[in-house]
């Protein structure tokens, strides 16, 4: 349980996400569903389809 880096809700279960703008952050499941288009797949690096 913790605080979501995007919406600020506290006391929620968090997931680690790699965000295009913020890098690695911990977000709630609701923000994961709403912001999936701003999340990068893990292992993405260098010049690739993710950039």
C-alpha atoms as a PDB file:
ATOM      1  CA  UNK A   1       0.000   0.000   0.000  1.00  0.00           C
ATOM      2  CA  UNK A   2       1.236   3.459  -0.790  1.00  0.00           C
ATOM      3  CA  UNK A   3       0.636   6.695  -2.689  1.00  0.00           C
ATOM      4  CA  UNK A   4       0.058   6.780  -6.456  1.00  0.00           C
ATOM      5  CA  UNK A   5       2.623   8.908  -8.294  1.00  0.00           C
ATOM      6  CA  UNK A   6       0.046  10.132 -10.830  1.00  0.00           C
ATOM      7  CA  UNK A   7      -3.227  10.750  -9.002  1.00  0.00           C
ATOM      8  CA  UNK A   8      -1.918  11.006  -5.435  1.00  0.00           C
ATOM      9  CA  UNK A   9      -4.406   8.539  -3.916  1.00  0.00           C
ATOM     10  CA  UNK A  10      -3.075   7.052  -0.699  1.00  0.00           C
ATOM     11  CA  UNK A  11      -3.530   3.604   0.803  1.00  0.00           C
ATOM     12  CA  UNK A  12      -3.928   1.832  -2.538  1.00  0.00           C
ATOM     13  CA  UNK A  13      -2.142  -1.144  -4.060  1.00  0.00           C
ATOM     14  CA  UNK A  14       0.536   0.007  -6.475  1.00  0.00           C
ATOM     15  CA  UNK A  15       2.108  -1.319  -9.661  1.00  0.00           C
ATOM     16  CA  UNK A  16       5.537  -0.352 -10.971  1.00  0.00           C
ATOM     17  CA  UNK A  17       5.338   1.271 -14.380  1.00  0.00           C
ATOM     18  CA  UNK A  18       7.806   2.730 -16.849  1.00  0.00           C
ATOM     19  CA  UNK A  19       6.259   6.047 -17.909  1.00  0.00           C
ATOM     20  CA  UNK A  20       7.369   7.903 -21.059  1.00  0.00           C
ATOM     21  CA  UNK A  21       7.795  11.194 -19.178  1.00  0.00           C
ATOM     22  CA  UNK A  22       8.459  10.238 -15.529  1.00  0.00           C
ATOM     23  CA  UNK A  23      10.507   7.042 -15.826  1.00  0.00           C
ATOM     24  CA  UNK A  24       9.883   4.300 -13.262  1.00  0.00           C
ATOM     25  CA  UNK A  25       6.965   5.196 -10.999  1.00  0.00           C
ATOM     26  CA  UNK A  26       4.492   3.428  -8.730  1.00  0.00           C
ATOM     27  CA  UNK A  27       0.868   3.870  -9.818  1.00  0.00           C
ATOM     28  CA  UNK A  28      -2.548   2.549  -8.798  1.00  0.00           C
ATOM     29  CA  UNK A  29      -4.490   0.142 -10.993  1.00  0.00           C
ATOM     30  CA  UNK A  30      -6.965   2.875 -11.970  1.00  0.00           C
ATOM     31  CA  UNK A  31      -4.161   5.081 -13.319  1.00  0.00           C
ATOM     32  CA  UNK A  32      -2.658   2.047 -15.058  1.00  0.00           C
ATOM     33  CA  UNK A  33      -5.926   1.571 -16.986  1.00  0.00           C
ATOM     34  CA  UNK A  34      -6.359   5.285 -17.742  1.00  0.00           C
ATOM     35  CA  UNK A  35      -2.736   5.962 -18.755  1.00  0.00           C
ATOM     36  CA  UNK A  36      -1.706   2.736 -20.502  1.00  0.00           C
ATOM     37  CA  UNK A  37      -0.821   4.702 -23.668  1.00  0.00           C
ATOM     38  CA  UNK A  38       1.910   6.599 -21.751  1.00  0.00           C
ATOM     39  CA  UNK A  39       3.534   3.443 -20.361  1.00  0.00           C
ATOM     40  CA  UNK A  40       6.480   1.736 -22.009  1.00  0.00           C
ATOM     41  CA  UNK A  41       7.110  -2.007 -22.072  1.00  0.00           C
ATOM     42  CA  UNK A  42       9.845  -3.174 -19.699  1.00  0.00           C
ATOM     43  CA  UNK A  43      13.203  -3.756 -21.329  1.00  0.00           C
ATOM     44  CA  UNK A  44      12.752  -0.874 -23.725  1.00  0.00           C
ATOM     45  CA  UNK A  45      15.966   1.033 -24.215  1.00  0.00           C
ATOM     46  CA  UNK A  46      18.172   2.698 -26.742  1.00  0.00           C
ATOM     47  CA  UNK A  47      16.736   3.349 -30.172  1.00  0.00           C
ATOM     48  CA  UNK A  48      13.693   1.180 -30.602  1.00  0.00           C
ATOM     49  CA  UNK A  49      10.011   1.186 -31.462  1.00  0.00           C
ATOM     50  CA  UNK A  50       9.237   2.558 -28.012  1.00  0.00           C
ATOM     51  CA  UNK A  51      10.674   6.025 -28.572  1.00  0.00           C
END
